[in-house]
Amino acid sequence: TSKSVFYRYFGDKAGLQQAVAERVLGRLEQELHEAAASARSPLD
């Protein structure tokens, strides 16, 4: 696609970086919650 499309949705590269971070870190936080919830012991 064109650069103008990304600017229209995210403003600039910093905005795109934040949107990607929200997605990636949100997924990671969910996985950390699942790891803690499914653990058989605190060490696990």
All heavy atoms as atom14 arrays in JSON, in Angstrom:
{
  "sequence": "TSKSVFYRYFGDKAGLQQAVAERVLGRLEQELHEAAASARSPLD",
  "atom14_mask": [
    [1, 1, 1, 1, 1, 1, 1, 0, 0, 0, 0, 0, 0, 0],
    [1, 1, 1, 1, 1, 1, 0, 0, 0, 0, 0, 0, 0, 0],
    [1, 1, 1, 1, 1, 1, 1, 1, 1, 0, 0, 0, 0, 0],
    [1, 1, 1, 1, 1, 1, 0, 0, 0, 0, 0, 0, 0, 0],
    [1, 1, 1, 1, 1, 1, 1, 0, 0, 0, 0, 0, 0, 0],
    [1, 1, 1, 1, 1, 1, 1, 1, 1, 1, 1, 0, 0, 0],
    [1, 1, 1, 1, 1, 1, 1, 1, 1, 1, 1, 1, 0, 0],
    [1, 1, 1, 1, 1, 1, 1, 1, 1, 1, 1, 0, 0, 0],
    [1, 1, 1, 1, 1, 1, 1, 1, 1, 1, 1, 1, 0, 0],
    [1, 1, 1, 1, 1, 1, 1, 1, 1, 1, 1, 0, 0, 0],
    [1, 1, 1, 1, 0, 0, 0, 0, 0, 0, 0, 0, 0, 0],
    [1, 1, 1, 1, 1, 1, 1, 1, 0, 0, 0, 0, 0, 0],
    [1, 1, 1, 1, 1, 1, 1, 1, 1, 0, 0, 0, 0, 0],
    [1, 1, 1, 1, 1, 0, 0, 0, 0, 0, 0, 0, 0, 0],
    [1, 1, 1, 1, 0, 0, 0, 0, 0, 0, 0, 0, 0, 0],
    [1, 1, 1, 1, 1, 1, 1, 1, 0, 0, 0, 0, 0, 0],
    [1, 1, 1, 1, 1, 1, 1, 1, 1, 0, 0, 0, 0, 0],
    [1, 1, 1, 1, 1, 1, 1, 1, 1, 0, 0, 0, 0, 0],
    [1, 1, 1, 1, 1, 0, 0, 0, 0, 0, 0, 0, 0, 0],
    [1, 1, 1, 1, 1, 1, 1, 0, 0, 0, 0, 0, 0, 0],
    [1, 1, 1, 1, 1, 0, 0, 0, 0, 0, 0, 0, 0, 0],
    [1, 1, 1, 1, 1, 1, 1, 1, 1, 0, 0, 0, 0, 0],
    [1, 1, 1, 1, 1, 1, 1, 1, 1, 1, 1, 0, 0, 0],
    [1, 1, 1, 1, 1, 1, 1, 0, 0, 0, 0, 0, 0, 0],
    [1, 1, 1, 1, 1, 1, 1, 1, 0, 0, 0, 0, 0, 0],
    [1, 1, 1, 1, 0, 0, 0, 0, 0, 0, 0, 0, 0, 0],
    [1, 1, 1, 1, 1, 1, 1, 1, 1, 1, 1, 0, 0, 0],
    [1, 1, 1, 1, 1, 1, 1, 1, 0, 0, 0, 0, 0, 0],
    [1, 1, 1, 1, 1, 1, 1, 1, 1, 0, 0, 0, 0, 0],
    [1, 1, 1, 1, 1, 1, 1, 1, 1, 0, 0, 0, 0, 0],
    [1, 1, 1, 1, 1, 1, 1, 1, 1, 0, 0, 0, 0, 0],
    [1, 1, 1, 1, 1, 1, 1, 1, 0, 0, 0, 0, 0, 0],
    [1, 1, 1, 1, 1, 1, 1, 1, 1, 1, 0, 0, 0, 0],
    [1, 1, 1, 1, 1, 1, 1, 1, 1, 0, 0, 0, 0, 0],
    [1, 1, 1, 1, 1, 0, 0, 0, 0, 0, 0, 0, 0, 0],
    [1, 1, 1, 1, 1, 0, 0, 0, 0, 0, 0, 0, 0, 0],
    [1, 1, 1, 1, 1, 0, 0, 0, 0, 0, 0, 0, 0, 0],
    [1, 1, 1, 1, 1, 1, 0, 0, 0, 0, 0, 0, 0, 0],
    [1, 1, 1, 1, 1, 0, 0, 0, 0, 0, 0, 0, 0, 0],
    [1, 1, 1, 1, 1, 1, 1, 1, 1, 1, 1, 0, 0, 0],
    [1, 1, 1, 1, 1, 1, 0, 0, 0, 0, 0, 0, 0, 0],
    [1, 1, 1, 1, 1, 1, 1, 0, 0, 0, 0, 0, 0, 0],
    [1, 1, 1, 1, 1, 1, 1, 1, 0, 0, 0, 0, 0, 0],
    [1, 1, 1, 1, 1, 1, 1, 1, 0, 0, 0, 0, 0, 0]
  ],
  "atom14_positions": [
    [[0.85, -1.18, 0.0], [0.0, 0.0, 0.0], [0.89, 1.24, 0.0], [2.11, 1.13, -0.19], [-0.95, 0.0, 1.21], [-1.87, 1.09, 1.09], [-0.19, 0.1, 2.52], [0.0, 0.0, 0.0], [0.0, 0.0, 0.0], [0.0, 0.0, 0.0], [0.0, 0.0, 0.0], [0.0, 0.0, 0.0], [0.0, 0.0, 0.0], [0.0, 0.0, 0.0]],
    [[0.31, 2.39, 0.2], [1.09, 3.62, 0.16], [1.39, 4.13, 1.57], [0.68, 3.8, 2.53], [0.33, 4.71, -0.61], [-0.84, 5.07, 0.09], [0.0, 0.0, 0.0], [0.0, 0.0, 0.0], [0.0, 0.0, 0.0], [0.0, 0.0, 0.0], [0.0, 0.0, 0.0], [0.0, 0.0, 0.0], [0.0, 0.0, 0.0], [0.0, 0.0, 0.0]],
    [[2.43, 4.93, 1.68], [2.79, 5.52, 2.97], [1.67, 6.4, 3.5], [1.45, 6.46, 4.72], [4.09, 6.31, 2.83], [4.58, 6.95, 4.12], [5.96, 7.55, 3.95], [5.93, 8.72, 2.98], [7.26, 9.41, 2.92], [0.0, 0.0, 0.0], [0.0, 0.0, 0.0], [0.0, 0.0, 0.0], [0.0, 0.0, 0.0], [0.0, 0.0, 0.0]],
    [[0.96, 7.07, 2.62], [-0.11, 7.96, 3.06], [-1.21, 7.2, 3.8], [-1.85, 7.75, 4.7], [-0.7, 8.7, 1.85], [-1.29, 7.77, 0.94], [0.0, 0.0, 0.0], [0.0, 0.0, 0.0], [0.0, 0.0, 0.0], [0.0, 0.0, 0.0], [0.0, 0.0, 0.0], [0.0, 0.0, 0.0], [0.0, 0.0, 0.0], [0.0, 0.0, 0.0]],
    [[-1.43, 5.93, 3.46], [-2.44, 5.13, 4.16], [-2.02, 4.93, 5.61], [-2.83, 5.08, 6.53], [-2.64, 3.78, 3.46], [-3.51, 2.86, 4.3], [-3.25, 3.98, 2.08], [0.0, 0.0, 0.0], [0.0, 0.0, 0.0], [0.0, 0.0, 0.0], [0.0, 0.0, 0.0], [0.0, 0.0, 0.0], [0.0, 0.0, 0.0], [0.0, 0.0, 0.0]],
    [[-0.75, 4.61, 5.83], [-0.27, 4.44, 7.2], [-0.35, 5.75, 7.98], [-0.71, 5.75, 9.16], [1.15, 3.88, 7.2], [1.22, 2.4, 7.02], [1.41, 1.83, 5.76], [1.07, 1.54, 8.1], [1.48, 0.46, 5.6], [1.12, 0.17, 7.95], [1.32, -0.38, 6.7], [0.0, 0.0, 0.0], [0.0, 0.0, 0.0], [0.0, 0.0, 0.0]],
    [[0.0, 6.85, 7.33], [-0.09, 8.15, 8.01], [-1.53, 8.49, 8.35], [-1.82, 9.08, 9.39], [0.53, 9.24, 7.14], [2.04, 9.31, 7.25], [2.84, 8.98, 6.16], [2.66, 9.68, 8.44], [4.23, 9.03, 6.25], [4.05, 9.74, 8.54], [4.82, 9.4, 7.45], [6.19, 9.45, 7.54], [0.0, 0.0, 0.0], [0.0, 0.0, 0.0]],
    [[-2.46, 8.11, 7.49], [-3.87, 8.4, 7.73], [-4.37, 7.66, 8.98], [-5.16, 8.19, 9.75], [-4.7, 8.0, 6.52], [-6.17, 8.43, 6.59], [-6.94, 7.91, 5.39], [-6.19, 8.1, 4.15], [-6.18, 7.24, 3.15], [-6.85, 6.1, 3.23], [-5.48, 7.49, 2.05], [0.0, 0.0, 0.0], [0.0, 0.0, 0.0], [0.0, 0.0, 0.0]],
    [[-3.9, 6.43, 9.18], [-4.39, 5.62, 10.3], [-3.57, 5.79, 11.58], [-4.1, 5.62, 12.68], [-4.4, 4.14, 9.91], [-5.61, 3.75, 9.1], [-5.64, 3.9, 7.72], [-6.75, 3.23, 9.72], [-6.76, 3.54, 6.97], [-7.87, 2.87, 8.98], [-7.86, 3.03, 7.61], [-8.98, 2.69, 6.87], [0.0, 0.0, 0.0], [0.0, 0.0, 0.0]],
    [[-2.28, 6.12, 11.45], [-1.41, 6.12, 12.63], [-0.71, 7.45, 12.89], [-0.06, 7.6, 13.92], [-0.36, 5.01, 12.5], [-0.95, 3.66, 12.28], [-0.95, 3.07, 11.02], [-1.56, 2.96, 13.32], [-1.5, 1.82, 10.81], [-2.13, 1.71, 13.12], [-2.1, 1.14, 11.86], [0.0, 0.0, 0.0], [0.0, 0.0, 0.0], [0.0, 0.0, 0.0]],
    [[-0.83, 8.4, 11.98], [-0.23, 9.71, 12.19], [1.21, 9.78, 11.75], [1.57, 10.6, 10.9], [0.0, 0.0, 0.0], [0.0, 0.0, 0.0], [0.0, 0.0, 0.0], [0.0, 0.0, 0.0], [0.0, 0.0, 0.0], [0.0, 0.0, 0.0], [0.0, 0.0, 0.0], [0.0, 0.0, 0.0], [0.0, 0.0, 0.0], [0.0, 0.0, 0.0]],
    [[2.07, 8.95, 12.31], [3.48, 8.91, 11.96], [4.04, 7.56, 12.38], [3.3, 6.68, 12.85], [4.25, 10.07, 12.61], [4.05, 10.13, 14.12], [3.61, 9.12, 14.71], [4.34, 11.18, 14.72], [0.0, 0.0, 0.0], [0.0, 0.0, 0.0], [0.0, 0.0, 0.0], [0.0, 0.0, 0.0], [0.0, 0.0, 0.0], [0.0, 0.0, 0.0]],
    [[5.35, 7.41, 12.25], [5.96, 6.13, 12.59], [5.82, 5.82, 14.08], [5.65, 4.65, 14.48], [7.43, 6.11, 12.18], [8.08, 4.74, 12.36], [9.51, 4.7, 11.84], [10.12, 3.32, 12.04], [11.51, 3.26, 11.53], [0.0, 0.0, 0.0], [0.0, 0.0, 0.0], [0.0, 0.0, 0.0], [0.0, 0.0, 0.0], [0.0, 0.0, 0.0]],
    [[5.9, 6.86, 14.91], [5.73, 6.66, 16.35], [4.34, 6.1, 16.66], [4.17, 5.23, 17.53], [5.96, 7.96, 17.11], [0.0, 0.0, 0.0], [0.0, 0.0, 0.0], [0.0, 0.0, 0.0], [0.0, 0.0, 0.0], [0.0, 0.0, 0.0], [0.0, 0.0, 0.0], [0.0, 0.0, 0.0], [0.0, 0.0, 0.0], [0.0, 0.0, 0.0]],
    [[3.32, 6.6, 15.96], [1.97, 6.09, 16.15], [1.84, 4.65, 15.7], [1.15, 3.85, 16.35], [0.0, 0.0, 0.0], [0.0, 0.0, 0.0], [0.0, 0.0, 0.0], [0.0, 0.0, 0.0], [0.0, 0.0, 0.0], [0.0, 0.0, 0.0], [0.0, 0.0, 0.0], [0.0, 0.0, 0.0], [0.0, 0.0, 0.0], [0.0, 0.0, 0.0]],
    [[2.5, 4.31, 14.6], [2.49, 2.92, 14.13], [3.21, 2.02, 15.14], [2.74, 0.93, 15.46], [3.16, 2.82, 12.76], [3.33, 1.41, 12.2], [1.99, 0.73, 11.99], [4.12, 1.45, 10.88], [0.0, 0.0, 0.0], [0.0, 0.0, 0.0], [0.0, 0.0, 0.0], [0.0, 0.0, 0.0], [0.0, 0.0, 0.0], [0.0, 0.0, 0.0]],
    [[4.34, 2.5, 15.63], [5.1, 1.73, 16.62], [4.24, 1.46, 17.86], [4.23, 0.34, 18.39], [6.36, 2.48, 17.02], [7.24, 1.73, 18.0], [8.41, 2.58, 18.49], [8.3, 3.8, 18.62], [9.52, 1.93, 18.76], [0.0, 0.0, 0.0], [0.0, 0.0, 0.0], [0.0, 0.0, 0.0], [0.0, 0.0, 0.0], [0.0, 0.0, 0.0]],
    [[3.5, 2.46, 18.29], [2.65, 2.28, 19.47], [1.54, 1.27, 19.19], [1.23, 0.43, 20.05], [2.04, 3.61, 19.89], [1.14, 3.5, 21.11], [0.65, 4.85, 21.6], [1.12, 5.89, 21.16], [-0.31, 4.83, 22.51], [0.0, 0.0, 0.0], [0.0, 0.0, 0.0], [0.0, 0.0, 0.0], [0.0, 0.0, 0.0], [0.0, 0.0, 0.0]],
    [[0.94, 1.34, 18.01], [-0.13, 0.4, 17.67], [0.39, -1.04, 17.61], [-0.27, -1.97, 18.09], [-0.76, 0.79, 16.33], [0.0, 0.0, 0.0], [0.0, 0.0, 0.0], [0.0, 0.0, 0.0], [0.0, 0.0, 0.0], [0.0, 0.0, 0.0], [0.0, 0.0, 0.0], [0.0, 0.0, 0.0], [0.0, 0.0, 0.0], [0.0, 0.0, 0.0]],
    [[1.58, -1.22, 17.03], [2.17, -2.56, 16.98], [2.52, -3.03, 18.4], [2.3, -4.19, 18.75], [3.43, -2.56, 16.08], [4.13, -3.92, 16.14], [3.05, -2.24, 14.64], [0.0, 0.0, 0.0], [0.0, 0.0, 0.0], [0.0, 0.0, 0.0], [0.0, 0.0, 0.0], [0.0, 0.0, 0.0], [0.0, 0.0, 0.0], [0.0, 0.0, 0.0]],
    [[3.04, -2.12, 19.21], [3.39, -2.47, 20.59], [2.16, -2.89, 21.37], [2.21, -3.86, 22.14], [4.07, -1.29, 21.28], [0.0, 0.0, 0.0], [0.0, 0.0, 0.0], [0.0, 0.0, 0.0], [0.0, 0.0, 0.0], [0.0, 0.0, 0.0], [0.0, 0.0, 0.0], [0.0, 0.0, 0.0], [0.0, 0.0, 0.0], [0.0, 0.0, 0.0]],
    [[1.07, -2.17, 21.21], [-0.16, -2.54, 21.93], [-0.6, -3.95, 21.56], [-1.03, -4.73, 22.41], [-1.26, -1.54, 21.61], [-1.04, -0.17, 22.25], [-2.04, 0.86, 21.76], [-2.84, 0.54, 20.86], [-2.01, 2.0, 22.26], [0.0, 0.0, 0.0], [0.0, 0.0, 0.0], [0.0, 0.0, 0.0], [0.0, 0.0, 0.0], [0.0, 0.0, 0.0]],
    [[-0.46, -4.29, 20.29], [-0.86, -5.62, 19.83], [0.09, -6.69, 20.36], [-0.34, -7.71, 20.92], [-0.86, -5.63, 18.29], [-1.17, -6.97, 17.67], [-2.61, -7.33, 17.84], [-2.94, -8.55, 17.12], [-4.11, -9.17, 17.2], [-5.07, -8.67, 17.96], [-4.34, -10.27, 16.52], [0.0, 0.0, 0.0], [0.0, 0.0, 0.0], [0.0, 0.0, 0.0]],
    [[1.4, -6.46, 20.2], [2.39, -7.46, 20.59], [2.42, -7.63, 22.11], [2.4, -8.76, 22.63], [3.79, -7.05, 20.07], [4.86, -7.95, 20.64], [3.81, -7.11, 18.54], [0.0, 0.0, 0.0], [0.0, 0.0, 0.0], [0.0, 0.0, 0.0], [0.0, 0.0, 0.0], [0.0, 0.0, 0.0], [0.0, 0.0, 0.0], [0.0, 0.0, 0.0]],
    [[2.48, -6.51, 22.83], [2.57, -6.6, 24.28], [1.26, -7.08, 24.9], [1.26, -7.74, 25.94], [2.98, -5.25, 24.87], [4.37, -4.76, 24.43], [4.66, -3.39, 25.05], [5.47, -5.74, 24.8], [0.0, 0.0, 0.0], [0.0, 0.0, 0.0], [0.0, 0.0, 0.0], [0.0, 0.0, 0.0], [0.0, 0.0, 0.0], [0.0, 0.0, 0.0]],
    [[0.14, -6.75, 24.27], [-1.14, -7.26, 24.74], [-1.2, -8.77, 24.63], [-1.68, -9.46, 25.54], [0.0, 0.0, 0.0], [0.0, 0.0, 0.0], [0.0, 0.0, 0.0], [0.0, 0.0, 0.0], [0.0, 0.0, 0.0], [0.0, 0.0, 0.0], [0.0, 0.0, 0.0], [0.0, 0.0, 0.0], [0.0, 0.0, 0.0], [0.0, 0.0, 0.0]],
    [[-0.7, -9.28, 23.52], [-0.67, -10.74, 23.34], [0.27, -11.38, 24.37], [-0.05, -12.42, 24.97], [-0.19, -11.07, 21.93], [0.03, -12.56, 21.69], [0.68, -12.8, 20.34], [1.2, -14.16, 20.23], [2.04, -14.54, 19.28], [2.45, -13.68, 18.37], [2.49, -15.78, 19.24], [0.0, 0.0, 0.0], [0.0, 0.0, 0.0], [0.0, 0.0, 0.0]],
    [[1.43, -10.75, 24.59], [2.38, -11.31, 25.54], [1.81, -11.28, 26.96], [1.95, -12.27, 27.71], [3.69, -10.53, 25.49], [4.77, -10.94, 26.5], [5.08, -12.43, 26.4], [6.03, -10.11, 26.3], [0.0, 0.0, 0.0], [0.0, 0.0, 0.0], [0.0, 0.0, 0.0], [0.0, 0.0, 0.0], [0.0, 0.0, 0.0], [0.0, 0.0, 0.0]],
    [[1.16, -10.19, 27.33], [0.57, -10.12, 28.66], [-0.48, -11.22, 28.85], [-0.57, -11.84, 29.92], [-0.05, -8.75, 28.89], [-0.53, -8.53, 30.31], [-1.01, -7.11, 30.57], [-0.7, -6.21, 29.75], [-1.7, -6.89, 31.59], [0.0, 0.0, 0.0], [0.0, 0.0, 0.0], [0.0, 0.0, 0.0], [0.0, 0.0, 0.0], [0.0, 0.0, 0.0]],
    [[-1.27, -11.48, 27.8], [-2.26, -12.56, 27.88], [-1.58, -13.91, 28.08], [-2.03, -14.73, 28.89], [-3.1, -12.58, 26.6], [-4.16, -13.67, 26.59], [-4.96, -13.68, 25.29], [-4.79, -12.81, 24.43], [-5.81, -14.66, 25.13], [0.0, 0.0, 0.0], [0.0, 0.0, 0.0], [0.0, 0.0, 0.0], [0.0, 0.0, 0.0], [0.0, 0.0, 0.0]],
    [[-0.49, -14.15, 27.38], [0.22, -15.41, 27.52], [0.84, -15.55, 28.9], [0.9, -16.65, 29.47], [1.29, -15.53, 26.43], [0.71, -15.69, 25.04], [1.77, -15.96, 23.99], [2.96, -16.04, 24.36], [1.42, -16.09, 22.8], [0.0, 0.0, 0.0], [0.0, 0.0, 0.0], [0.0, 0.0, 0.0], [0.0, 0.0, 0.0], [0.0, 0.0, 0.0]],
    [[1.31, -14.45, 29.47], [1.86, -14.5, 30.82], [0.77, -14.83, 31.84], [1.0, -15.61, 32.77], [2.53, -13.17, 31.17], [3.76, -12.79, 30.34], [4.3, -11.44, 30.78], [4.85, -13.84, 30.45], [0.0, 0.0, 0.0], [0.0, 0.0, 0.0], [0.0, 0.0, 0.0], [0.0, 0.0, 0.0], [0.0, 0.0, 0.0], [0.0, 0.0, 0.0]],
    [[-0.41, -14.25, 31.66], [-1.54, -14.57, 32.54], [-1.88, -16.06, 32.43], [-2.13, -16.72, 33.45], [-2.76, -13.74, 32.17], [-2.79, -12.38, 32.8], [-3.18, -12.19, 34.11], [-2.46, -11.16, 32.31], [-3.1, -10.9, 34.41], [-2.66, -10.25, 33.34], [0.0, 0.0, 0.0], [0.0, 0.0, 0.0], [0.0, 0.0, 0.0], [0.0, 0.0, 0.0]],
    [[-1.91, -16.58, 31.21], [-2.23, -17.99, 31.02], [-1.18, -18.89, 31.64], [-1.5, -19.93, 32.24], [-2.37, -18.28, 29.52], [-3.59, -17.61, 28.88], [-3.63, -17.77, 27.37], [-2.65, -18.34, 26.81], [-4.6, -17.33, 26.74], [0.0, 0.0, 0.0], [0.0, 0.0, 0.0], [0.0, 0.0, 0.0], [0.0, 0.0, 0.0], [0.0, 0.0, 0.0]],
    [[0.1, -18.49, 31.53], [1.17, -19.29, 32.12], [1.03, -19.33, 33.63], [1.21, -20.38, 34.27], [2.53, -18.73, 31.72], [0.0, 0.0, 0.0], [0.0, 0.0, 0.0], [0.0, 0.0, 0.0], [0.0, 0.0, 0.0], [0.0, 0.0, 0.0], [0.0, 0.0, 0.0], [0.0, 0.0, 0.0], [0.0, 0.0, 0.0], [0.0, 0.0, 0.0]],
    [[0.69, -18.19, 34.23], [0.53, -18.13, 35.68], [-0.69, -18.92, 36.12], [-0.66, -19.63, 37.13], [0.42, -16.68, 36.13], [0.0, 0.0, 0.0], [0.0, 0.0, 0.0], [0.0, 0.0, 0.0], [0.0, 0.0, 0.0], [0.0, 0.0, 0.0], [0.0, 0.0, 0.0], [0.0, 0.0, 0.0], [0.0, 0.0, 0.0], [0.0, 0.0, 0.0]],
    [[-1.77, -18.81, 35.36], [-3.03, -19.47, 35.75], [-2.95, -20.98, 35.61], [-3.58, -21.72, 36.38], [-4.18, -18.93, 34.92], [0.0, 0.0, 0.0], [0.0, 0.0, 0.0], [0.0, 0.0, 0.0], [0.0, 0.0, 0.0], [0.0, 0.0, 0.0], [0.0, 0.0, 0.0], [0.0, 0.0, 0.0], [0.0, 0.0, 0.0], [0.0, 0.0, 0.0]],
    [[-2.2, -21.48, 34.65], [-2.14, -22.92, 34.4], [-1.01, -23.62, 35.15], [-0.88, -24.84, 35.07], [-1.98, -23.19, 32.9], [-0.77, -22.65, 32.43], [0.0, 0.0, 0.0], [0.0, 0.0, 0.0], [0.0, 0.0, 0.0], [0.0, 0.0, 0.0], [0.0, 0.0, 0.0], [0.0, 0.0, 0.0], [0.0, 0.0, 0.0], [0.0, 0.0, 0.0]],
    [[-0.2, -22.85, 35.88], [0.95, -23.43, 36.56], [0.51, -24.34, 37.71], [-0.44, -24.04, 38.42], [1.86, -22.32, 37.09], [0.0, 0.0, 0.0], [0.0, 0.0, 0.0], [0.0, 0.0, 0.0], [0.0, 0.0, 0.0], [0.0, 0.0, 0.0], [0.0, 0.0, 0.0], [0.0, 0.0, 0.0], [0.0, 0.0, 0.0], [0.0, 0.0, 0.0]],
    [[1.22, -25.44, 37.89], [0.92, -26.37, 38.97], [1.51, -25.92, 40.31], [1.12, -26.43, 41.36], [1.44, -27.76, 38.61], [0.74, -28.39, 37.41], [1.44, -29.66, 36.98], [2.8, -29.36, 36.5], [3.66, -30.29, 36.09], [3.32, -31.56, 36.13], [4.85, -29.95, 35.66], [0.0, 0.0, 0.0], [0.0, 0.0, 0.0], [0.0, 0.0, 0.0]],
    [[2.46, -25.01, 40.26], [3.1, -24.52, 41.47], [3.59, -23.11, 41.23], [3.7, -22.67, 40.07], [4.29, -25.42, 41.85], [5.34, -25.27, 40.9], [0.0, 0.0, 0.0], [0.0, 0.0, 0.0], [0.0, 0.0, 0.0], [0.0, 0.0, 0.0], [0.0, 0.0, 0.0], [0.0, 0.0, 0.0], [0.0, 0.0, 0.0], [0.0, 0.0, 0.0]],
    [[3.9, -22.35, 42.28], [4.45, -21.0, 42.09], [5.73, -21.01, 41.26], [5.93, -20.13, 40.42], [4.7, -20.51, 43.52], [3.74, -21.28, 44.36], [3.64, -22.63, 43.71], [0.0, 0.0, 0.0], [0.0, 0.0, 0.0], [0.0, 0.0, 0.0], [0.0, 0.0, 0.0], [0.0, 0.0, 0.0], [0.0, 0.0, 0.0], [0.0, 0.0, 0.0]],
    [[6.58, -22.0, 41.49], [7.82, -22.08, 40.72], [7.52, -22.26, 39.24], [8.12, -21.61, 38.38], [8.68, -23.24, 41.23], [10.1, -23.35, 40.66], [11.03, -23.98, 41.71], [10.15, -24.18, 39.38], [0.0, 0.0, 0.0], [0.0, 0.0, 0.0], [0.0, 0.0, 0.0], [0.0, 0.0, 0.0], [0.0, 0.0, 0.0], [0.0, 0.0, 0.0]],
    [[6.56, -23.13, 38.93], [6.16, -23.33, 37.53], [5.58, -22.04, 36.95], [5.74, -21.76, 35.75], [5.12, -24.45, 37.42], [5.73, -25.83, 37.57], [6.96, -25.94, 37.4], [4.99, -26.78, 37.87], [0.0, 0.0, 0.0], [0.0, 0.0, 0.0], [0.0, 0.0, 0.0], [0.0, 0.0, 0.0], [0.0, 0.0, 0.0], [0.0, 0.0, 0.0]]
  ]
}
